[in-house]
Amino acid sequence: AGDQMERGPISDALRDSDPAGPTVAYVAKFLSADLERSVLTGDTLRGDESVQFVGICRVFSGTLRPSQTLFLMAEDAAKTHRVLRIQRIFVLKGRFLEEVPEAPSGSIVAAEIVDVASEAESAYELGVERYLTLCDHKEGPFLETPYSSQAFAIVRVSIEPKNVGDLDALDRGLRLLHKADPSVSVEAMVTGENVLGCCGDEHLKRCINDLQNLYARGVQLSISKPLVAVRESIAKSIPTE
């Protein structure tokens, strides 16, 4: 967070959790949702609707409100800040979403977030960001993620569409899966293959199920046999006679 955490109105608001201070919120995870029905989708969608996401966020200071514009903080303060808009705010009640007019500091809520640069697109088109620090000041802090920067994939599979025309749909589906699941890794190989990395067999089954029922519906997939990475190293040297 740099010097902003040492002194200034933002650091004071963060320490006091001041609902009237500058707004600082941290989006820790994205969940797929049906915003027309105000419900989390779970494993499948009911109709032909597109996948949408809500961000689960903690408000550390200030008050989050619909139509509010916030800057997306970056670890490199010299980078240009993107501007995001909070469309709607929800309180989670099980899998149901209840819309609320605001979320003061200390709240944990779900928010529909849109990139101002492409307002016609929904929250799921933000990119591959899975953790966001939002602030209404360009000089706001960057909050580090508590998660590992890269998941360690135990099982990897090569995944491609049976129909070449579905390449773009699969690519988009893998990006959505990567955004929704922090423990997934997706690699594009120089050979053109997409390699999906998961934490085990059950996790792999869940990811394939999500691809087929949520993120790349209608795309027939060709999936290789799981490849388990085996890494060896020298623990200690053996003295020679």
C-alpha atoms as a PDB file:
ATOM      1  CA  ALA A   1       0.000   0.000   0.000  1.00  0.00           C
ATOM      2  CA  GLY A   2       3.051   2.253   0.223  1.00  0.00           C
ATOM      3  CA  ASP A   3       3.034   5.708   1.818  1.00  0.00           C
ATOM      4  CA  GLN A   4      -0.763   5.914   1.638  1.00  0.00           C
ATOM      5  CA  MET A   5      -0.890   3.483   4.563  1.00  0.00           C
ATOM      6  CA  GLU A   6       1.408   5.684   6.646  1.00  0.00           C
ATOM      7  CA  ARG A   7      -0.436   8.974   6.520  1.00  0.00           C
ATOM      8  CA  GLY A   8      -3.251  10.791   4.739  1.00  0.00           C
ATOM      9  CA  PRO A   9      -7.050  10.632   4.486  1.00  0.00           C
ATOM     10  CA  ILE A  10      -7.080   7.177   2.880  1.00  0.00           C
ATOM     11  CA  SER A  11      -4.951   5.552   5.579  1.00  0.00           C
ATOM     12  CA  ASP A  12      -6.995   7.297   8.293  1.00  0.00           C
ATOM     13  CA  ALA A  13     -10.247   6.030   6.759  1.00  0.00           C
ATOM     14  CA  LEU A  14      -8.852   2.497   6.511  1.00  0.00           C
ATOM     15  CA  ARG A  15      -7.719   2.474  10.133  1.00  0.00           C
ATOM     16  CA  ASP A  16     -11.044   3.857  11.370  1.00  0.00           C
ATOM     17  CA  SER A  17     -13.190   1.924   8.862  1.00  0.00           C
ATOM     18  CA  ASP A  18     -14.849   5.272   8.169  1.00  0.00           C
ATOM     19  CA  PRO A  19     -18.031   4.957   6.056  1.00  0.00           C
ATOM     20  CA  ALA A  20     -17.759   8.651   5.171  1.00  0.00           C
ATOM     21  CA  GLY A  21     -14.127   8.429   4.026  1.00  0.00           C
ATOM     22  CA  PRO A  22     -12.605   7.528   0.657  1.00  0.00           C
ATOM     23  CA  THR A  23     -13.937   4.258  -0.720  1.00  0.00           C
ATOM     24  CA  VAL A  24     -11.551   1.297  -0.709  1.00  0.00           C
ATOM     25  CA  ALA A  25     -12.886  -2.182  -1.545  1.00  0.00           C
ATOM     26  CA  TYR A  26     -11.227  -5.498  -2.300  1.00  0.00           C
ATOM     27  CA  VAL A  27     -12.796  -8.045  -4.659  1.00  0.00           C
ATOM     28  CA  ALA A  28     -11.599 -11.479  -3.528  1.00  0.00           C
ATOM     29  CA  LYS A  29     -13.516 -13.794  -5.875  1.00  0.00           C
ATOM     30  CA  PHE A  30     -15.951 -13.899  -8.774  1.00  0.00           C
ATOM     31  CA  LEU A  31     -19.020 -16.153  -8.811  1.00  0.00           C
ATOM     32  CA  SER A  32     -21.213 -16.926 -11.819  1.00  0.00           C
ATOM     33  CA  ALA A  33     -24.745 -15.592 -11.458  1.00  0.00           C
ATOM     34  CA  ASP A  34     -28.053 -15.173 -13.242  1.00  0.00           C
ATOM     35  CA  LEU A  35     -28.649 -11.479 -12.585  1.00  0.00           C
ATOM     36  CA  GLU A  36     -32.117 -11.493 -14.136  1.00  0.00           C
ATOM     37  CA  ARG A  37     -33.288 -13.970 -11.516  1.00  0.00           C
ATOM     38  CA  SER A  38     -30.917 -12.624  -8.833  1.00  0.00           C
ATOM     39  CA  VAL A  39     -29.445 -16.009  -8.040  1.00  0.00           C
ATOM     40  CA  LEU A  40     -26.057 -17.720  -8.226  1.00  0.00           C
ATOM     41  CA  THR A  41     -26.099 -20.228 -11.073  1.00  0.00           C
ATOM     42  CA  GLY A  42     -24.370 -23.169  -9.415  1.00  0.00           C
ATOM     43  CA  ASP A  43     -23.433 -25.882 -11.912  1.00  0.00           C
ATOM     44  CA  THR A  44     -25.806 -25.163 -14.789  1.00  0.00           C
ATOM     45  CA  LEU A  45     -27.787 -22.440 -16.505  1.00  0.00           C
ATOM     46  CA  ARG A  46     -31.518 -22.749 -17.050  1.00  0.00           C
ATOM     47  CA  GLY A  47     -31.816 -21.278 -20.504  1.00  0.00           C
ATOM     48  CA  ASP A  48     -29.744 -19.655 -23.218  1.00  0.00           C
ATOM     49  CA  GLU A  49     -28.601 -16.768 -21.059  1.00  0.00           C
ATOM     50  CA  SER A  50     -24.928 -15.821 -21.011  1.00  0.00           C
ATOM     51  CA  VAL A  51     -22.709 -16.388 -18.006  1.00  0.00           C
ATOM     52  CA  GLN A  52     -22.457 -13.337 -15.787  1.00  0.00           C
ATOM     53  CA  PHE A  53     -20.324 -12.720 -12.733  1.00  0.00           C
ATOM     54  CA  VAL A  54     -20.623 -10.901  -9.443  1.00  0.00           C
ATOM     55  CA  GLY A  55     -17.555  -9.977  -7.440  1.00  0.00           C
ATOM     56  CA  ILE A  56     -17.502 -10.870  -3.746  1.00  0.00           C
ATOM     57  CA  CYS A  57     -15.980  -7.826  -2.113  1.00  0.00           C
ATOM     58  CA  ARG A  58     -15.142  -6.430   1.306  1.00  0.00           C
ATOM     59  CA  VAL A  59     -15.565  -2.691   1.800  1.00  0.00           C
ATOM     60  CA  PHE A  60     -12.694  -1.463   3.981  1.00  0.00           C
ATOM     61  CA  SER A  61     -13.600   2.225   4.044  1.00  0.00           C
ATOM     62  CA  GLY A  62     -16.132   4.590   2.532  1.00  0.00           C
ATOM     63  CA  THR A  63     -19.469   3.425   1.157  1.00  0.00           C
ATOM     64  CA  LEU A  64     -20.051   1.452  -2.022  1.00  0.00           C
ATOM     65  CA  ARG A  65     -23.039   2.615  -4.090  1.00  0.00           C
ATOM     66  CA  PRO A  66     -24.590   1.716  -7.471  1.00  0.00           C
ATOM     67  CA  SER A  67     -23.335   3.827 -10.422  1.00  0.00           C
ATOM     68  CA  GLN A  68     -20.185   4.684  -8.465  1.00  0.00           C
ATOM     69  CA  THR A  69     -16.980   4.830 -10.527  1.00  0.00           C
ATOM     70  CA  LEU A  70     -13.783   3.498  -9.002  1.00  0.00           C
ATOM     71  CA  PHE A  71     -10.175   3.146 -10.091  1.00  0.00           C
ATOM     72  CA  LEU A  72      -8.614  -0.283 -10.424  1.00  0.00           C
ATOM     73  CA  MET A  73      -5.415  -0.152  -8.403  1.00  0.00           C
ATOM     74  CA  ALA A  74      -2.236  -1.759  -9.757  1.00  0.00           C
ATOM     75  CA  GLU A  75       0.883  -2.932  -7.979  1.00  0.00           C
ATOM     76  CA  ASP A  76       2.883  -0.630 -10.243  1.00  0.00           C
ATOM     77  CA  ALA A  77       1.658   2.859  -9.298  1.00  0.00           C
ATOM     78  CA  ALA A  78       2.962   4.229 -12.633  1.00  0.00           C
ATOM     79  CA  LYS A  79       0.458   2.162 -14.636  1.00  0.00           C
ATOM     80  CA  THR A  80      -2.624   3.830 -16.083  1.00  0.00           C
ATOM     81  CA  HIS A  81      -5.632   3.207 -13.855  1.00  0.00           C
ATOM     82  CA  ARG A  82      -8.666   1.606 -15.455  1.00  0.00           C
ATOM     83  CA  VAL A  83     -12.049   2.943 -14.438  1.00  0.00           C
ATOM     84  CA  LEU A  84     -14.756   0.516 -13.336  1.00  0.00           C
ATOM     85  CA  ARG A  85     -18.394   1.151 -12.496  1.00  0.00           C
ATOM     86  CA  ILE A  86     -20.445  -0.545  -9.806  1.00  0.00           C
ATOM     87  CA  GLN A  87     -23.731  -1.381 -11.496  1.00  0.00           C
ATOM     88  CA  ARG A  88     -25.590  -3.102  -8.664  1.00  0.00           C
ATOM     89  CA  ILE A  89     -24.863  -4.276  -5.127  1.00  0.00           C
ATOM     90  CA  PHE A  90     -26.270  -7.426  -3.559  1.00  0.00           C
ATOM     91  CA  VAL A  91     -26.312  -9.116  -0.188  1.00  0.00           C
ATOM     92  CA  LEU A  92     -25.813 -12.862  -0.403  1.00  0.00           C
ATOM     93  CA  LYS A  93     -28.533 -14.976   1.205  1.00  0.00           C
ATOM     94  CA  GLY A  94     -27.500 -18.491   0.394  1.00  0.00           C
ATOM     95  CA  ARG A  95     -27.535 -18.723  -3.405  1.00  0.00           C
ATOM     96  CA  PHE A  96     -29.958 -15.792  -3.686  1.00  0.00           C
ATOM     97  CA  LEU A  97     -28.966 -12.170  -4.286  1.00  0.00           C
ATOM     98  CA  GLU A  98     -30.851  -9.352  -2.579  1.00  0.00           C
ATOM     99  CA  GLU A  99     -30.194  -5.930  -4.101  1.00  0.00           C
ATOM    100  CA  VAL A 100     -29.282  -3.157  -1.643  1.00  0.00           C
ATOM    101  CA  PRO A 101     -28.847   0.611  -2.150  1.00  0.00           C
ATOM    102  CA  GLU A 102     -25.387   0.827  -0.548  1.00  0.00           C
ATOM    103  CA  ALA A 103     -22.682  -1.045   1.350  1.00  0.00           C
ATOM    104  CA  PRO A 104     -20.870   0.886   4.110  1.00  0.00           C
ATOM    105  CA  SER A 105     -17.392   0.023   5.370  1.00  0.00           C
ATOM    106  CA  GLY A 106     -17.224  -3.385   7.000  1.00  0.00           C
ATOM    107  CA  SER A 107     -19.735  -4.910   4.576  1.00  0.00           C
ATOM    108  CA  ILE A 108     -19.140  -8.069   2.558  1.00  0.00           C
ATOM    109  CA  VAL A 109     -21.313  -7.925  -0.544  1.00  0.00           C
ATOM    110  CA  ALA A 110     -21.609  -9.100  -4.139  1.00  0.00           C
ATOM    111  CA  ALA A 111     -21.250  -6.434  -6.818  1.00  0.00           C
ATOM    112  CA  GLU A 112     -21.937  -6.322 -10.534  1.00  0.00           C
ATOM    113  CA  ILE A 113     -18.900  -4.565 -11.987  1.00  0.00           C
ATOM    114  CA  VAL A 114     -18.504  -3.118 -15.482  1.00  0.00           C
ATOM    115  CA  ASP A 115     -15.460  -1.715 -17.234  1.00  0.00           C
ATOM    116  CA  VAL A 116     -16.304   1.882 -18.192  1.00  0.00           C
ATOM    117  CA  ALA A 117     -14.171   1.550 -21.346  1.00  0.00           C
ATOM    118  CA  SER A 118     -16.625  -1.084 -22.642  1.00  0.00           C
ATOM    119  CA  GLU A 119     -19.875  -0.493 -20.794  1.00  0.00           C
ATOM    120  CA  ALA A 120     -21.817  -2.606 -23.259  1.00  0.00           C
ATOM    121  CA  GLU A 121     -19.992  -5.644 -21.911  1.00  0.00           C
ATOM    122  CA  SER A 122     -20.878  -7.383 -18.665  1.00  0.00           C
ATOM    123  CA  ALA A 123     -18.700  -7.953 -15.639  1.00  0.00           C
ATOM    124  CA  TYR A 124     -17.320 -11.198 -16.980  1.00  0.00           C
ATOM    125  CA  GLU A 125     -15.534  -9.320 -19.800  1.00  0.00           C
ATOM    126  CA  LEU A 126     -13.191  -7.468 -17.425  1.00  0.00           C
ATOM    127  CA  GLY A 127     -10.414  -9.849 -18.419  1.00  0.00           C
ATOM    128  CA  VAL A 128      -8.552 -12.411 -16.397  1.00  0.00           C
ATOM    129  CA  GLU A 129      -8.332 -10.378 -13.192  1.00  0.00           C
ATOM    130  CA  ARG A 130      -9.451 -12.486 -10.256  1.00  0.00           C
ATOM    131  CA  TYR A 131      -8.598 -10.100  -7.417  1.00  0.00           C
ATOM    132  CA  LEU A 132      -9.306  -6.382  -7.608  1.00  0.00           C
ATOM    133  CA  THR A 133      -8.442  -3.448  -5.363  1.00  0.00           C
ATOM    134  CA  LEU A 134     -10.876  -0.594  -6.030  1.00  0.00           C
ATOM    135  CA  CYS A 135     -10.598   2.989  -4.800  1.00  0.00           C
ATOM    136  CA  ASP A 136     -12.219   6.310  -5.662  1.00  0.00           C
ATOM    137  CA  HIS A 137      -8.779   8.000  -5.576  1.00  0.00           C
ATOM    138  CA  LYS A 138      -5.955   7.358  -8.055  1.00  0.00           C
ATOM    139  CA  GLU A 139      -3.530   7.471  -5.116  1.00  0.00           C
ATOM    140  CA  GLY A 140      -5.294   4.597  -3.374  1.00  0.00           C
ATOM    141  CA  PRO A 141      -3.523   1.520  -1.969  1.00  0.00           C
ATOM    142  CA  PHE A 142      -2.930  -1.771  -3.721  1.00  0.00           C
ATOM    143  CA  LEU A 143      -3.995  -4.631  -1.448  1.00  0.00           C
ATOM    144  CA  GLU A 144      -1.984  -7.800  -1.889  1.00  0.00           C
ATOM    145  CA  THR A 145      -3.830 -11.051  -2.458  1.00  0.00           C
ATOM    146  CA  PRO A 146      -3.650 -13.606   0.373  1.00  0.00           C
ATOM    147  CA  TYR A 147      -3.530 -16.366  -2.224  1.00  0.00           C
ATOM    148  CA  SER A 148      -0.550 -17.779  -4.036  1.00  0.00           C
ATOM    149  CA  SER A 149       0.242 -15.853  -7.202  1.00  0.00           C
ATOM    150  CA  GLN A 150       0.079 -19.103  -9.196  1.00  0.00           C
ATOM    151  CA  ALA A 151      -1.631 -22.350  -8.376  1.00  0.00           C
ATOM    152  CA  PHE A 152       0.455 -25.508  -8.473  1.00  0.00           C
ATOM    153  CA  ALA A 153      -1.205 -27.786 -10.996  1.00  0.00           C
ATOM    154  CA  ILE A 154      -0.835 -31.469 -10.185  1.00  0.00           C
ATOM    155  CA  VAL A 155      -2.864 -32.807 -13.126  1.00  0.00           C
ATOM    156  CA  ARG A 156      -2.753 -31.308 -16.593  1.00  0.00           C
ATOM    157  CA  VAL A 157      -4.757 -32.146 -19.690  1.00  0.00           C
ATOM    158  CA  SER A 158      -4.682 -30.886 -23.231  1.00  0.00           C
ATOM    159  CA  ILE A 159      -8.098 -29.627 -24.239  1.00  0.00           C
ATOM    160  CA  GLU A 160      -9.328 -28.632 -27.695  1.00  0.00           C
ATOM    161  CA  PRO A 161     -12.649 -28.439 -29.550  1.00  0.00           C
ATOM    162  CA  LYS A 162     -13.640 -31.232 -31.883  1.00  0.00           C
ATOM    163  CA  ASN A 163     -14.932 -28.554 -34.264  1.00  0.00           C
ATOM    164  CA  VAL A 164     -12.270 -26.014 -35.304  1.00  0.00           C
ATOM    165  CA  GLY A 165     -14.965 -23.360 -35.545  1.00  0.00           C
ATOM    166  CA  ASP A 166     -15.423 -23.526 -31.759  1.00  0.00           C
ATOM    167  CA  LEU A 167     -11.868 -22.375 -30.975  1.00  0.00           C
ATOM    168  CA  ASP A 168     -12.957 -18.882 -29.960  1.00  0.00           C
ATOM    169  CA  ALA A 169     -15.796 -20.224 -27.794  1.00  0.00           C
ATOM    170  CA  LEU A 170     -13.405 -22.580 -26.007  1.00  0.00           C
ATOM    171  CA  ASP A 171     -10.845 -19.819 -25.513  1.00  0.00           C
ATOM    172  CA  ARG A 172     -13.491 -17.599 -23.938  1.00  0.00           C
ATOM    173  CA  GLY A 173     -14.767 -20.485 -21.811  1.00  0.00           C
ATOM    174  CA  LEU A 174     -11.278 -21.180 -20.464  1.00  0.00           C
ATOM    175  CA  ARG A 175     -10.836 -17.492 -19.605  1.00  0.00           C
ATOM    176  CA  LEU A 176     -14.099 -17.523 -17.676  1.00  0.00           C
ATOM    177  CA  LEU A 177     -13.130 -20.716 -15.842  1.00  0.00           C
ATOM    178  CA  HIS A 178      -9.725 -19.233 -15.023  1.00  0.00           C
ATOM    179  CA  LYS A 179     -11.416 -16.153 -13.598  1.00  0.00           C
ATOM    180  CA  ALA A 180     -13.949 -18.067 -11.516  1.00  0.00           C
ATOM    181  CA  ASP A 181     -11.530 -20.614 -10.040  1.00  0.00           C
ATOM    182  CA  PRO A 182      -8.305 -19.233  -8.490  1.00  0.00           C
ATOM    183  CA  SER A 183      -6.702 -22.688  -8.390  1.00  0.00           C
ATOM    184  CA  VAL A 184      -6.955 -23.311 -12.142  1.00  0.00           C
ATOM    185  CA  SER A 185      -4.083 -22.685 -14.516  1.00  0.00           C
ATOM    186  CA  VAL A 186      -4.557 -22.257 -18.265  1.00  0.00           C
ATOM    187  CA  GLU A 187      -1.592 -22.294 -20.635  1.00  0.00           C
ATOM    188  CA  ALA A 188      -1.500 -21.710 -24.388  1.00  0.00           C
ATOM    189  CA  MET A 189       1.319 -23.817 -25.810  1.00  0.00           C
ATOM    190  CA  VAL A 190       3.381 -22.900 -28.873  1.00  0.00           C
ATOM    191  CA  THR A 191       1.787 -25.897 -30.599  1.00  0.00           C
ATOM    192  CA  GLY A 192      -1.611 -24.191 -30.298  1.00  0.00           C
ATOM    193  CA  GLU A 193      -2.851 -26.534 -27.573  1.00  0.00           C
ATOM    194  CA  ASN A 194      -4.664 -25.265 -24.494  1.00  0.00           C
ATOM    195  CA  VAL A 195      -3.416 -27.001 -21.349  1.00  0.00           C
ATOM    196  CA  LEU A 196      -5.698 -26.980 -18.325  1.00  0.00           C
ATOM    197  CA  GLY A 197      -4.016 -27.501 -14.964  1.00  0.00           C
ATOM    198  CA  CYS A 198      -5.973 -28.647 -11.898  1.00  0.00           C
ATOM    199  CA  CYS A 199      -5.241 -29.678  -8.314  1.00  0.00           C
ATOM    200  CA  GLY A 200      -6.319 -33.310  -8.699  1.00  0.00           C
ATOM    201  CA  ASP A 201      -8.688 -35.720 -10.429  1.00  0.00           C
ATOM    202  CA  GLU A 202     -11.838 -34.488  -8.697  1.00  0.00           C
ATOM    203  CA  HIS A 203     -10.929 -30.868  -9.352  1.00  0.00           C
ATOM    204  CA  LEU A 204     -10.353 -31.750 -13.008  1.00  0.00           C
ATOM    205  CA  LYS A 205     -13.795 -33.396 -13.236  1.00  0.00           C
ATOM    206  CA  ARG A 206     -15.393 -30.283 -11.724  1.00  0.00           C
ATOM    207  CA  CYS A 207     -13.596 -27.966 -14.160  1.00  0.00           C
ATOM    208  CA  ILE A 208     -14.634 -30.048 -17.182  1.00  0.00           C
ATOM    209  CA  ASN A 209     -18.214 -30.070 -15.888  1.00  0.00           C
ATOM    210  CA  ASP A 210     -18.157 -26.268 -15.503  1.00  0.00           C
ATOM    211  CA  LEU A 211     -16.784 -25.854 -19.024  1.00  0.00           C
ATOM    212  CA  GLN A 212     -19.471 -28.064 -20.549  1.00  0.00           C
ATOM    213  CA  ASN A 213     -22.408 -26.687 -18.551  1.00  0.00           C
ATOM    214  CA  LEU A 214     -21.470 -23.054 -17.928  1.00  0.00           C
ATOM    215  CA  TYR A 215     -18.578 -21.472 -19.763  1.00  0.00           C
ATOM    216  CA  ALA A 216     -18.351 -23.303 -23.109  1.00  0.00           C
ATOM    217  CA  ARG A 217     -21.797 -24.819 -23.537  1.00  0.00           C
ATOM    218  CA  GLY A 218     -22.397 -26.496 -26.865  1.00  0.00           C
ATOM    219  CA  VAL A 219     -18.690 -27.006 -27.544  1.00  0.00           C
ATOM    220  CA  GLN A 220     -17.732 -30.641 -28.004  1.00  0.00           C
ATOM    221  CA  LEU A 221     -14.398 -31.148 -26.271  1.00  0.00           C
ATOM    222  CA  SER A 222     -11.493 -33.422 -27.025  1.00  0.00           C
ATOM    223  CA  ILE A 223      -9.602 -34.017 -23.785  1.00  0.00           C
ATOM    224  CA  SER A 224      -6.314 -35.877 -23.489  1.00  0.00           C
ATOM    225  CA  LYS A 225      -5.557 -38.354 -20.733  1.00  0.00           C
ATOM    226  CA  PRO A 226      -4.425 -36.638 -17.513  1.00  0.00           C
ATOM    227  CA  LEU A 227      -0.698 -35.983 -17.405  1.00  0.00           C
ATOM    228  CA  VAL A 228       0.732 -36.018 -13.893  1.00  0.00           C
ATOM    229  CA  ALA A 229       3.890 -33.967 -13.521  1.00  0.00           C
ATOM    230  CA  VAL A 230       6.724 -35.824 -11.797  1.00  0.00           C
ATOM    231  CA  ARG A 231       9.661 -33.728 -10.633  1.00  0.00           C
ATOM    232  CA  GLU A 232      12.840 -35.177  -9.198  1.00  0.00           C
ATOM    233  CA  SER A 233      15.764 -33.473  -7.526  1.00  0.00           C
ATOM    234  CA  ILE A 234      18.913 -34.381  -5.618  1.00  0.00           C
ATOM    235  CA  ALA A 235      18.290 -34.274  -1.877  1.00  0.00           C
ATOM    236  CA  LYS A 236      21.910 -34.782  -0.849  1.00  0.00           C
ATOM    237  CA  SER A 237      25.140 -36.038  -2.271  1.00  0.00           C
ATOM    238  CA  ILE A 238      26.427 -39.537  -1.585  1.00  0.00           C
ATOM    239  CA  PRO A 239      30.101 -39.712  -0.640  1.00  0.00           C
ATOM    240  CA  THR A 240      32.189 -41.882  -2.942  1.00  0.00           C
ATOM    241  CA  GLU A 241      34.789 -44.356  -1.776  1.00  0.00           C
END
